[in-house]
N, C-alpha and C. Protein backbone atom coordinates (compact mmCIF):
# COMPACT_ATOMS: atom_id res chain seq x y z
N UNK A 1 -11.90 7.75 -25.71
CA UNK A 1 -11.59 7.73 -24.29
C UNK A 1 -10.88 9.02 -23.94
N UNK A 2 -11.30 9.62 -22.85
CA UNK A 2 -10.65 10.83 -22.35
C UNK A 2 -9.90 10.48 -21.06
N UNK A 3 -8.61 10.81 -21.04
CA UNK A 3 -7.76 10.46 -19.91
C UNK A 3 -7.19 11.72 -19.27
N UNK A 4 -7.30 11.78 -17.95
CA UNK A 4 -6.62 12.81 -17.18
C UNK A 4 -5.33 12.20 -16.68
N UNK A 5 -4.20 12.68 -17.18
CA UNK A 5 -2.90 12.22 -16.72
C UNK A 5 -2.40 13.13 -15.62
N UNK A 6 -1.86 12.53 -14.56
CA UNK A 6 -1.38 13.32 -13.42
C UNK A 6 0.04 12.89 -13.07
N UNK A 7 0.95 13.86 -13.13
CA UNK A 7 2.32 13.67 -12.66
C UNK A 7 2.35 14.26 -11.26
N UNK A 8 2.17 13.42 -10.21
CA UNK A 8 1.94 13.96 -8.87
C UNK A 8 3.17 14.62 -8.27
N UNK A 9 2.92 15.64 -7.49
CA UNK A 9 3.97 16.33 -6.78
C UNK A 9 3.36 17.44 -5.95
N UNK A 10 4.11 17.91 -4.97
CA UNK A 10 3.62 19.01 -4.13
C UNK A 10 4.07 20.36 -4.66
N UNK A 11 5.33 20.47 -5.04
CA UNK A 11 5.81 21.75 -5.57
C UNK A 11 5.20 22.00 -6.93
N UNK A 12 5.21 20.97 -7.79
CA UNK A 12 4.58 21.05 -9.12
C UNK A 12 3.85 19.74 -9.37
N UNK A 13 2.57 19.83 -9.69
CA UNK A 13 1.76 18.65 -10.03
C UNK A 13 1.26 18.86 -11.45
N UNK A 14 1.76 18.03 -12.37
CA UNK A 14 1.36 18.18 -13.77
C UNK A 14 0.01 17.55 -14.04
N UNK A 15 -0.81 18.25 -14.83
CA UNK A 15 -2.13 17.77 -15.22
C UNK A 15 -2.25 17.86 -16.74
N UNK A 16 -2.71 16.79 -17.37
CA UNK A 16 -2.90 16.81 -18.82
C UNK A 16 -4.08 15.96 -19.20
N UNK A 17 -4.94 16.50 -20.05
CA UNK A 17 -6.11 15.76 -20.53
C UNK A 17 -5.92 15.47 -22.01
N UNK A 18 -6.08 14.20 -22.37
CA UNK A 18 -5.89 13.75 -23.75
C UNK A 18 -7.10 12.92 -24.18
N UNK A 19 -7.55 13.15 -25.40
CA UNK A 19 -8.59 12.31 -26.00
C UNK A 19 -7.91 11.29 -26.90
N UNK A 20 -8.30 10.03 -26.74
CA UNK A 20 -7.75 8.96 -27.57
C UNK A 20 -8.80 8.44 -28.52
N UNK A 21 -8.37 8.13 -29.75
CA UNK A 21 -9.28 7.60 -30.76
C UNK A 21 -9.67 6.17 -30.44
N UNK A 22 -10.67 5.70 -31.12
CA UNK A 22 -11.17 4.34 -30.90
C UNK A 22 -10.23 3.29 -31.45
N UNK A 23 -9.38 2.75 -30.59
CA UNK A 23 -8.52 1.65 -30.97
C UNK A 23 -7.24 2.03 -31.68
N UNK A 24 -7.16 3.19 -32.26
CA UNK A 24 -5.95 3.61 -32.96
C UNK A 24 -5.01 4.37 -32.04
N UNK A 25 -3.98 4.95 -32.65
CA UNK A 25 -3.00 5.69 -31.85
C UNK A 25 -3.22 7.20 -31.96
N UNK A 26 -4.32 7.61 -32.58
CA UNK A 26 -4.60 9.04 -32.71
C UNK A 26 -4.99 9.61 -31.35
N UNK A 27 -4.28 10.63 -30.91
CA UNK A 27 -4.56 11.29 -29.64
C UNK A 27 -4.51 12.80 -29.85
N UNK A 28 -5.26 13.51 -29.03
CA UNK A 28 -5.23 14.97 -29.12
C UNK A 28 -5.26 15.57 -27.72
N UNK A 29 -4.60 16.71 -27.60
CA UNK A 29 -4.52 17.40 -26.31
C UNK A 29 -5.77 18.24 -26.09
N UNK A 30 -6.36 18.07 -24.92
CA UNK A 30 -7.52 18.86 -24.54
C UNK A 30 -7.09 20.02 -23.64
N UNK A 31 -6.25 19.73 -22.65
CA UNK A 31 -5.79 20.76 -21.70
C UNK A 31 -4.53 20.29 -21.01
N UNK A 32 -3.71 21.24 -20.59
CA UNK A 32 -2.49 20.92 -19.84
C UNK A 32 -2.17 22.09 -18.92
N UNK A 33 -1.68 21.76 -17.73
CA UNK A 33 -1.30 22.81 -16.78
C UNK A 33 -0.47 22.17 -15.66
N UNK A 34 0.03 23.02 -14.80
CA UNK A 34 0.79 22.57 -13.64
C UNK A 34 0.25 23.29 -12.41
N UNK A 35 -0.07 22.52 -11.36
CA UNK A 35 -0.48 23.11 -10.08
C UNK A 35 0.78 23.32 -9.26
N UNK A 36 0.98 24.53 -8.78
CA UNK A 36 2.15 24.83 -7.95
C UNK A 36 1.68 25.18 -6.54
N UNK A 37 2.43 24.68 -5.55
CA UNK A 37 2.14 25.08 -4.17
C UNK A 37 3.44 25.53 -3.52
N UNK A 38 3.39 26.61 -2.75
CA UNK A 38 4.60 27.11 -2.09
C UNK A 38 5.10 26.16 -1.00
N UNK A 39 6.40 25.98 -0.95
CA UNK A 39 6.98 25.04 0.01
C UNK A 39 6.84 25.50 1.46
N UNK A 40 6.53 26.79 1.69
CA UNK A 40 6.40 27.26 3.07
C UNK A 40 4.99 27.04 3.63
N UNK A 41 4.07 26.54 2.80
CA UNK A 41 2.72 26.22 3.30
C UNK A 41 2.76 24.91 4.06
N UNK A 42 1.89 24.74 5.06
CA UNK A 42 1.79 23.44 5.75
C UNK A 42 1.36 22.36 4.76
N UNK A 43 1.82 21.14 4.99
CA UNK A 43 1.55 20.03 4.09
C UNK A 43 0.08 19.89 3.76
N UNK A 44 -0.78 19.94 4.78
CA UNK A 44 -2.21 19.73 4.54
C UNK A 44 -2.79 20.80 3.61
N UNK A 45 -2.27 22.04 3.71
CA UNK A 45 -2.73 23.12 2.83
C UNK A 45 -2.28 22.90 1.40
N UNK A 46 -1.07 22.36 1.25
CA UNK A 46 -0.56 22.07 -0.10
C UNK A 46 -1.38 20.96 -0.74
N UNK A 47 -1.69 19.91 0.03
CA UNK A 47 -2.50 18.81 -0.49
C UNK A 47 -3.91 19.29 -0.83
N UNK A 48 -4.44 20.16 0.01
CA UNK A 48 -5.77 20.73 -0.23
C UNK A 48 -5.78 21.54 -1.52
N UNK A 49 -4.72 22.32 -1.76
CA UNK A 49 -4.63 23.13 -2.98
C UNK A 49 -4.57 22.24 -4.23
N UNK A 50 -3.73 21.20 -4.17
CA UNK A 50 -3.63 20.27 -5.31
C UNK A 50 -4.99 19.60 -5.53
N UNK A 51 -5.60 19.13 -4.44
CA UNK A 51 -6.89 18.45 -4.54
C UNK A 51 -7.98 19.33 -5.13
N UNK A 52 -8.00 20.59 -4.76
CA UNK A 52 -9.03 21.50 -5.27
C UNK A 52 -8.93 21.65 -6.78
N UNK A 53 -7.71 21.77 -7.29
CA UNK A 53 -7.52 21.92 -8.74
C UNK A 53 -7.87 20.62 -9.46
N UNK A 54 -7.44 19.49 -8.92
CA UNK A 54 -7.74 18.20 -9.55
C UNK A 54 -9.25 17.99 -9.59
N UNK A 55 -9.93 18.31 -8.49
CA UNK A 55 -11.39 18.17 -8.44
C UNK A 55 -12.05 19.04 -9.52
N UNK A 56 -11.56 20.25 -9.68
CA UNK A 56 -12.09 21.17 -10.70
C UNK A 56 -11.85 20.59 -12.11
N UNK A 57 -10.66 20.03 -12.34
CA UNK A 57 -10.36 19.45 -13.65
C UNK A 57 -11.25 18.25 -13.94
N UNK A 58 -11.51 17.43 -12.94
CA UNK A 58 -12.39 16.28 -13.14
C UNK A 58 -13.79 16.76 -13.52
N UNK A 59 -14.29 17.78 -12.81
CA UNK A 59 -15.63 18.31 -13.10
C UNK A 59 -15.69 18.99 -14.46
N UNK A 60 -14.64 19.71 -14.82
CA UNK A 60 -14.63 20.47 -16.08
C UNK A 60 -14.42 19.57 -17.29
N UNK A 61 -13.43 18.69 -17.22
CA UNK A 61 -13.03 17.91 -18.40
C UNK A 61 -13.69 16.54 -18.48
N UNK A 62 -14.30 16.07 -17.41
CA UNK A 62 -15.05 14.82 -17.37
C UNK A 62 -14.30 13.65 -18.01
N UNK A 63 -13.13 13.31 -17.45
CA UNK A 63 -12.37 12.18 -18.01
C UNK A 63 -13.07 10.85 -17.75
N UNK A 64 -12.69 9.85 -18.55
CA UNK A 64 -13.21 8.50 -18.35
C UNK A 64 -12.34 7.72 -17.37
N UNK A 65 -11.09 8.14 -17.23
CA UNK A 65 -10.13 7.45 -16.38
C UNK A 65 -9.05 8.45 -15.96
N UNK A 66 -8.45 8.20 -14.81
CA UNK A 66 -7.34 9.02 -14.34
C UNK A 66 -6.09 8.15 -14.32
N UNK A 67 -5.06 8.59 -15.03
CA UNK A 67 -3.78 7.87 -15.08
C UNK A 67 -2.77 8.63 -14.23
N UNK A 68 -2.19 7.94 -13.25
CA UNK A 68 -1.27 8.57 -12.29
C UNK A 68 0.08 7.87 -12.37
N UNK A 69 1.14 8.66 -12.30
CA UNK A 69 2.46 8.04 -12.29
C UNK A 69 2.65 7.29 -10.97
N UNK A 70 3.07 6.03 -11.09
CA UNK A 70 3.34 5.22 -9.90
C UNK A 70 4.60 5.76 -9.22
N UNK A 71 4.51 5.96 -7.93
CA UNK A 71 5.62 6.55 -7.17
C UNK A 71 6.68 5.50 -6.89
N UNK A 72 7.91 5.85 -7.19
CA UNK A 72 9.05 4.99 -6.89
C UNK A 72 9.94 5.69 -5.89
N UNK A 73 10.66 4.90 -5.11
CA UNK A 73 11.55 5.51 -4.13
C UNK A 73 12.66 6.27 -4.85
N UNK A 74 12.98 7.40 -4.30
CA UNK A 74 14.05 8.23 -4.84
C UNK A 74 15.04 8.44 -3.71
N UNK A 75 16.10 9.16 -4.02
CA UNK A 75 17.11 9.43 -2.98
C UNK A 75 16.55 10.32 -1.88
N UNK A 76 15.71 11.26 -2.24
CA UNK A 76 15.17 12.22 -1.29
C UNK A 76 13.84 11.69 -0.73
N UNK A 77 13.85 11.22 0.51
CA UNK A 77 12.66 10.62 1.13
C UNK A 77 11.54 11.65 1.26
N UNK A 78 11.88 12.90 1.58
CA UNK A 78 10.84 13.93 1.71
C UNK A 78 10.12 14.14 0.39
N UNK A 79 10.87 14.13 -0.71
CA UNK A 79 10.26 14.32 -2.02
C UNK A 79 9.32 13.17 -2.35
N UNK A 80 9.78 11.94 -2.11
CA UNK A 80 8.94 10.79 -2.45
C UNK A 80 7.70 10.74 -1.56
N UNK A 81 7.81 11.15 -0.32
CA UNK A 81 6.65 11.18 0.57
C UNK A 81 5.61 12.18 0.07
N UNK A 82 6.06 13.37 -0.30
CA UNK A 82 5.14 14.39 -0.83
C UNK A 82 4.48 13.93 -2.11
N UNK A 83 5.25 13.28 -2.98
CA UNK A 83 4.72 12.77 -4.24
C UNK A 83 3.67 11.70 -3.97
N UNK A 84 3.96 10.80 -3.04
CA UNK A 84 3.02 9.73 -2.70
C UNK A 84 1.74 10.30 -2.09
N UNK A 85 1.89 11.32 -1.25
CA UNK A 85 0.70 11.93 -0.63
C UNK A 85 -0.16 12.62 -1.69
N UNK A 86 0.46 13.34 -2.60
CA UNK A 86 -0.29 13.99 -3.68
C UNK A 86 -0.98 12.94 -4.55
N UNK A 87 -0.28 11.84 -4.83
CA UNK A 87 -0.84 10.75 -5.62
C UNK A 87 -2.07 10.16 -4.94
N UNK A 88 -1.99 9.99 -3.63
CA UNK A 88 -3.12 9.46 -2.87
C UNK A 88 -4.33 10.37 -2.92
N UNK A 89 -4.11 11.67 -2.83
CA UNK A 89 -5.20 12.64 -2.91
C UNK A 89 -5.89 12.54 -4.27
N UNK A 90 -5.10 12.46 -5.33
CA UNK A 90 -5.66 12.38 -6.69
C UNK A 90 -6.46 11.09 -6.86
N UNK A 91 -5.91 9.96 -6.39
CA UNK A 91 -6.62 8.68 -6.49
C UNK A 91 -7.93 8.72 -5.71
N UNK A 92 -7.91 9.32 -4.53
CA UNK A 92 -9.12 9.45 -3.71
C UNK A 92 -10.19 10.27 -4.44
N UNK A 93 -9.78 11.40 -5.02
CA UNK A 93 -10.75 12.26 -5.72
C UNK A 93 -11.32 11.56 -6.95
N UNK A 94 -10.47 10.81 -7.66
CA UNK A 94 -10.95 10.06 -8.82
C UNK A 94 -11.98 9.02 -8.38
N UNK A 95 -11.66 8.28 -7.31
CA UNK A 95 -12.58 7.26 -6.80
C UNK A 95 -13.89 7.89 -6.35
N UNK A 96 -13.79 9.03 -5.69
CA UNK A 96 -15.00 9.73 -5.23
C UNK A 96 -15.88 10.14 -6.41
N UNK A 97 -15.25 10.45 -7.55
CA UNK A 97 -16.00 10.83 -8.75
C UNK A 97 -16.45 9.61 -9.55
N UNK A 98 -16.13 8.40 -9.04
CA UNK A 98 -16.55 7.18 -9.72
C UNK A 98 -15.68 6.82 -10.91
N UNK A 99 -14.45 7.34 -10.95
CA UNK A 99 -13.56 7.09 -12.08
C UNK A 99 -12.54 6.01 -11.76
N UNK A 100 -12.25 5.16 -12.74
CA UNK A 100 -11.17 4.20 -12.52
C UNK A 100 -9.82 4.92 -12.51
N UNK A 101 -8.88 4.34 -11.78
CA UNK A 101 -7.53 4.91 -11.68
C UNK A 101 -6.55 3.88 -12.20
N UNK A 102 -5.65 4.33 -13.06
CA UNK A 102 -4.59 3.46 -13.59
C UNK A 102 -3.25 4.05 -13.18
N UNK A 103 -2.38 3.20 -12.66
CA UNK A 103 -1.04 3.65 -12.29
C UNK A 103 -0.05 3.10 -13.31
N UNK A 104 0.82 3.97 -13.80
CA UNK A 104 1.85 3.57 -14.76
C UNK A 104 3.21 3.98 -14.22
N UNK A 105 4.18 3.10 -14.38
CA UNK A 105 5.54 3.41 -13.93
C UNK A 105 6.18 4.39 -14.90
N UNK A 106 7.16 5.15 -14.43
CA UNK A 106 7.87 6.07 -15.33
C UNK A 106 8.45 5.36 -16.56
N UNK A 107 9.00 4.17 -16.38
CA UNK A 107 9.59 3.47 -17.52
C UNK A 107 8.52 3.00 -18.51
N UNK A 108 7.33 2.61 -18.03
CA UNK A 108 6.23 2.25 -18.93
C UNK A 108 5.83 3.45 -19.78
N UNK A 109 5.73 4.60 -19.14
CA UNK A 109 5.33 5.81 -19.85
C UNK A 109 6.37 6.19 -20.89
N UNK A 110 7.64 6.18 -20.49
CA UNK A 110 8.72 6.54 -21.42
C UNK A 110 8.77 5.57 -22.60
N UNK A 111 8.63 4.27 -22.31
CA UNK A 111 8.67 3.27 -23.38
C UNK A 111 7.49 3.45 -24.33
N UNK A 112 6.31 3.74 -23.79
CA UNK A 112 5.13 3.91 -24.64
C UNK A 112 5.27 5.12 -25.55
N UNK A 113 5.77 6.21 -25.01
CA UNK A 113 5.80 7.47 -25.76
C UNK A 113 7.04 7.60 -26.65
N UNK A 114 8.19 7.13 -26.16
CA UNK A 114 9.43 7.32 -26.93
C UNK A 114 9.99 6.03 -27.51
N UNK A 115 9.52 4.88 -27.01
CA UNK A 115 10.09 3.61 -27.44
C UNK A 115 11.29 3.20 -26.61
N UNK A 116 11.66 4.01 -25.64
CA UNK A 116 12.83 3.76 -24.79
C UNK A 116 12.46 4.00 -23.33
N UNK A 117 12.54 2.95 -22.51
CA UNK A 117 12.15 3.05 -21.11
C UNK A 117 13.04 3.92 -20.25
N UNK A 118 14.22 4.29 -20.77
CA UNK A 118 15.14 5.15 -20.01
C UNK A 118 15.30 6.52 -20.65
N UNK A 119 14.34 6.90 -21.46
CA UNK A 119 14.42 8.20 -22.15
C UNK A 119 14.49 9.34 -21.15
N UNK A 120 15.18 10.40 -21.54
CA UNK A 120 15.28 11.59 -20.70
C UNK A 120 14.06 12.48 -20.85
N UNK A 121 13.97 13.46 -19.96
CA UNK A 121 12.81 14.37 -19.96
C UNK A 121 12.67 15.11 -21.28
N UNK A 122 13.80 15.52 -21.87
CA UNK A 122 13.74 16.25 -23.15
C UNK A 122 13.18 15.37 -24.27
N UNK A 123 13.57 14.09 -24.27
CA UNK A 123 13.04 13.15 -25.28
C UNK A 123 11.53 13.00 -25.10
N UNK A 124 11.09 12.84 -23.87
CA UNK A 124 9.66 12.68 -23.59
C UNK A 124 8.90 13.92 -24.04
N UNK A 125 9.42 15.09 -23.69
CA UNK A 125 8.77 16.34 -24.08
C UNK A 125 8.69 16.47 -25.60
N UNK A 126 9.78 16.15 -26.28
CA UNK A 126 9.81 16.25 -27.75
C UNK A 126 8.78 15.32 -28.39
N UNK A 127 8.69 14.08 -27.88
CA UNK A 127 7.74 13.12 -28.45
C UNK A 127 6.30 13.49 -28.13
N UNK A 128 6.05 13.99 -26.93
CA UNK A 128 4.70 14.44 -26.57
C UNK A 128 4.27 15.56 -27.51
N UNK A 129 5.17 16.51 -27.75
CA UNK A 129 4.89 17.64 -28.64
C UNK A 129 4.57 17.13 -30.05
N UNK A 130 5.36 16.17 -30.49
CA UNK A 130 5.18 15.63 -31.84
C UNK A 130 3.89 14.82 -31.96
N UNK A 131 3.68 13.89 -31.02
CA UNK A 131 2.51 13.01 -31.06
C UNK A 131 1.20 13.80 -30.99
N UNK A 132 1.19 14.83 -30.14
CA UNK A 132 -0.03 15.63 -29.96
C UNK A 132 -0.11 16.79 -30.96
N UNK A 133 0.91 16.91 -31.80
CA UNK A 133 0.96 17.98 -32.81
C UNK A 133 0.78 19.36 -32.17
N UNK A 134 1.53 19.59 -31.09
CA UNK A 134 1.48 20.87 -30.39
C UNK A 134 2.40 21.87 -31.09
N UNK A 135 2.07 23.14 -30.99
CA UNK A 135 2.90 24.16 -31.63
C UNK A 135 4.14 24.49 -30.82
N UNK A 136 4.10 24.18 -29.53
CA UNK A 136 5.28 24.40 -28.68
C UNK A 136 5.34 23.33 -27.60
N UNK A 137 6.55 23.13 -27.06
CA UNK A 137 6.74 22.13 -26.01
C UNK A 137 5.97 22.52 -24.75
N UNK A 138 5.27 21.55 -24.14
CA UNK A 138 4.64 21.84 -22.84
C UNK A 138 5.71 22.02 -21.78
N UNK A 139 5.65 23.09 -21.03
CA UNK A 139 6.62 23.39 -19.99
C UNK A 139 5.90 23.72 -18.70
N UNK A 140 6.47 23.40 -17.54
CA UNK A 140 7.71 22.67 -17.34
C UNK A 140 7.54 21.19 -17.67
N UNK A 141 8.56 20.39 -17.40
CA UNK A 141 8.55 18.96 -17.73
C UNK A 141 7.38 18.24 -17.08
N UNK A 142 6.90 18.72 -15.93
CA UNK A 142 5.77 18.07 -15.25
C UNK A 142 4.52 18.08 -16.13
N UNK A 143 4.35 19.15 -16.92
CA UNK A 143 3.21 19.24 -17.83
C UNK A 143 3.34 18.20 -18.94
N UNK A 144 4.54 18.09 -19.51
CA UNK A 144 4.79 17.10 -20.55
C UNK A 144 4.62 15.68 -20.00
N UNK A 145 5.08 15.47 -18.77
CA UNK A 145 4.96 14.14 -18.15
C UNK A 145 3.49 13.76 -17.94
N UNK A 146 2.66 14.73 -17.57
CA UNK A 146 1.23 14.46 -17.38
C UNK A 146 0.58 14.06 -18.71
N UNK A 147 0.94 14.78 -19.77
CA UNK A 147 0.41 14.42 -21.10
C UNK A 147 0.93 13.05 -21.53
N UNK A 148 2.20 12.77 -21.23
CA UNK A 148 2.78 11.46 -21.58
C UNK A 148 2.03 10.33 -20.87
N UNK A 149 1.67 10.55 -19.60
CA UNK A 149 0.89 9.55 -18.86
C UNK A 149 -0.45 9.29 -19.53
N UNK A 150 -1.11 10.37 -19.94
CA UNK A 150 -2.42 10.22 -20.60
C UNK A 150 -2.28 9.50 -21.94
N UNK A 151 -1.25 9.84 -22.71
CA UNK A 151 -1.00 9.16 -23.99
C UNK A 151 -0.72 7.68 -23.75
N UNK A 152 0.15 7.41 -22.79
CA UNK A 152 0.49 6.03 -22.45
C UNK A 152 -0.77 5.24 -22.15
N UNK A 153 -1.64 5.80 -21.34
CA UNK A 153 -2.85 5.06 -20.99
C UNK A 153 -3.75 4.85 -22.20
N UNK A 154 -3.90 5.86 -23.03
CA UNK A 154 -4.72 5.71 -24.25
C UNK A 154 -4.21 4.55 -25.09
N UNK A 155 -2.90 4.46 -25.22
CA UNK A 155 -2.32 3.43 -26.07
C UNK A 155 -2.29 2.06 -25.41
N UNK A 156 -2.15 2.01 -24.08
CA UNK A 156 -2.04 0.73 -23.38
C UNK A 156 -3.39 0.17 -22.95
N UNK A 157 -4.40 1.02 -22.81
CA UNK A 157 -5.70 0.58 -22.27
C UNK A 157 -6.32 -0.58 -23.06
N UNK A 158 -6.32 -0.56 -24.42
CA UNK A 158 -6.91 -1.70 -25.13
C UNK A 158 -6.20 -3.02 -24.81
N UNK A 159 -4.87 -2.98 -24.72
CA UNK A 159 -4.11 -4.20 -24.39
C UNK A 159 -4.43 -4.65 -22.96
N UNK A 160 -4.49 -3.69 -22.03
CA UNK A 160 -4.81 -4.02 -20.64
C UNK A 160 -6.19 -4.65 -20.55
N UNK A 161 -7.15 -4.09 -21.31
CA UNK A 161 -8.52 -4.64 -21.30
C UNK A 161 -8.54 -6.06 -21.88
N UNK A 162 -7.79 -6.29 -22.97
CA UNK A 162 -7.74 -7.64 -23.56
C UNK A 162 -7.12 -8.63 -22.58
N UNK A 163 -6.06 -8.20 -21.87
CA UNK A 163 -5.43 -9.08 -20.89
C UNK A 163 -6.40 -9.42 -19.76
N UNK A 164 -7.16 -8.43 -19.30
CA UNK A 164 -8.14 -8.67 -18.23
C UNK A 164 -9.22 -9.64 -18.70
N UNK A 165 -9.68 -9.47 -19.95
CA UNK A 165 -10.68 -10.39 -20.50
C UNK A 165 -10.12 -11.81 -20.60
N UNK A 166 -8.86 -11.91 -21.02
CA UNK A 166 -8.22 -13.23 -21.14
C UNK A 166 -8.10 -13.89 -19.77
N UNK A 167 -7.78 -13.10 -18.73
CA UNK A 167 -7.68 -13.66 -17.38
C UNK A 167 -9.04 -14.16 -16.89
N UNK A 168 -10.09 -13.39 -17.17
CA UNK A 168 -11.44 -13.81 -16.78
C UNK A 168 -11.82 -15.10 -17.50
N UNK A 169 -11.56 -15.15 -18.82
CA UNK A 169 -11.87 -16.34 -19.61
C UNK A 169 -11.07 -17.54 -19.11
N UNK A 170 -9.80 -17.32 -18.80
CA UNK A 170 -8.95 -18.40 -18.30
C UNK A 170 -9.48 -18.93 -16.97
N UNK A 171 -9.91 -18.04 -16.09
CA UNK A 171 -10.47 -18.45 -14.80
C UNK A 171 -11.75 -19.26 -15.00
N UNK A 172 -12.59 -18.83 -15.96
CA UNK A 172 -13.84 -19.56 -16.25
C UNK A 172 -13.52 -20.97 -16.75
N UNK A 173 -12.56 -21.07 -17.66
CA UNK A 173 -12.17 -22.38 -18.20
C UNK A 173 -11.62 -23.28 -17.10
N UNK A 174 -10.81 -22.71 -16.21
CA UNK A 174 -10.24 -23.49 -15.11
C UNK A 174 -11.35 -24.00 -14.19
N UNK A 175 -12.33 -23.13 -13.88
CA UNK A 175 -13.46 -23.55 -13.03
C UNK A 175 -14.25 -24.69 -13.69
N UNK A 176 -14.51 -24.55 -15.00
CA UNK A 176 -15.25 -25.58 -15.73
C UNK A 176 -14.48 -26.90 -15.72
N UNK A 177 -13.17 -26.82 -15.94
CA UNK A 177 -12.33 -28.02 -15.96
C UNK A 177 -12.34 -28.71 -14.58
N UNK A 178 -12.19 -27.90 -13.51
CA UNK A 178 -12.21 -28.48 -12.16
C UNK A 178 -13.56 -29.13 -11.86
N UNK A 179 -14.64 -28.50 -12.30
CA UNK A 179 -15.98 -29.06 -12.07
C UNK A 179 -16.13 -30.38 -12.81
N UNK A 180 -15.63 -30.47 -14.04
CA UNK A 180 -15.72 -31.73 -14.81
C UNK A 180 -14.90 -32.83 -14.14
N UNK A 181 -13.69 -32.47 -13.66
CA UNK A 181 -12.86 -33.44 -12.97
C UNK A 181 -13.55 -33.96 -11.71
N UNK A 182 -14.14 -33.04 -10.96
CA UNK A 182 -14.84 -33.44 -9.73
C UNK A 182 -16.02 -34.34 -10.06
N UNK A 183 -16.76 -34.01 -11.12
CA UNK A 183 -17.91 -34.82 -11.52
C UNK A 183 -17.45 -36.22 -11.97
N UNK A 184 -16.32 -36.26 -12.70
CA UNK A 184 -15.79 -37.56 -13.16
C UNK A 184 -15.36 -38.40 -11.97
N UNK A 185 -14.73 -37.76 -10.96
CA UNK A 185 -14.31 -38.50 -9.76
C UNK A 185 -15.53 -39.05 -9.01
N UNK A 186 -16.56 -38.22 -8.89
CA UNK A 186 -17.79 -38.67 -8.20
C UNK A 186 -18.43 -39.84 -8.94
N UNK A 187 -18.46 -39.72 -10.27
CA UNK A 187 -19.06 -40.79 -11.08
C UNK A 187 -18.25 -42.08 -10.93
N UNK A 188 -16.94 -41.95 -10.93
CA UNK A 188 -16.06 -43.12 -10.78
C UNK A 188 -16.24 -43.76 -9.40
N UNK A 189 -16.35 -42.93 -8.38
CA UNK A 189 -16.53 -43.42 -7.01
C UNK A 189 -17.87 -44.14 -6.89
N UNK A 190 -18.94 -43.54 -7.45
CA UNK A 190 -20.26 -44.16 -7.33
C UNK A 190 -20.34 -45.44 -8.16
N UNK A 191 -19.62 -45.50 -9.30
CA UNK A 191 -19.60 -46.72 -10.10
C UNK A 191 -18.85 -47.82 -9.34
N UNK A 192 -17.77 -47.47 -8.70
CA UNK A 192 -17.01 -48.44 -7.91
C UNK A 192 -17.81 -48.97 -6.74
N UNK A 193 -18.58 -48.09 -6.09
CA UNK A 193 -19.39 -48.52 -4.95
C UNK A 193 -20.53 -49.42 -5.41
N UNK A 194 -21.10 -49.11 -6.60
CA UNK A 194 -22.24 -49.91 -7.11
C UNK A 194 -21.76 -51.31 -7.51
N UNK A 195 -20.51 -51.42 -7.99
CA UNK A 195 -19.99 -52.70 -8.41
C UNK A 195 -19.60 -53.61 -7.27
N UNK A 196 -19.45 -53.07 -6.05
CA UNK A 196 -18.97 -53.92 -4.94
C UNK A 196 -20.11 -54.53 -4.16
């Protein structure tokens, strides 16, 4: 599975592509970079710039899925709005390319990569470097975060798929059970009517 991880942002948007092995925890880095847009550009131009690079990465690296950090409210409303808008652009481009999109919270990503949901940026960067066997730390932190998102998805996707299959199976069993109950009630009703 090839995952494009995106740490959304307007000033810096981290992009990382990771290949995951079949069912194991073996992962390898394909590409990593950060899209930067100047803060003095109009918002629509910044979103357009981020979108153009993401579109190019999707066409070049042909991921199977796009993993995006789920936006949480922060103290700075302007920052969270820009992050959410960039996230929306990435999700739209992924959908347009026919790719599934997975959203992961920062704590899910940190827990998957470091084992600690409250790990700091340096811990995440160190573990990403180690797990991907990189010769140097990906910088800035947005690049490491994008790779961490992709790793997280590679590792969590099999469990997510099993849970989805279990939910489908559970729904099928519930439907079958309800149908049997309804049939038993009808049979009981018709037997009661025939006896009277």
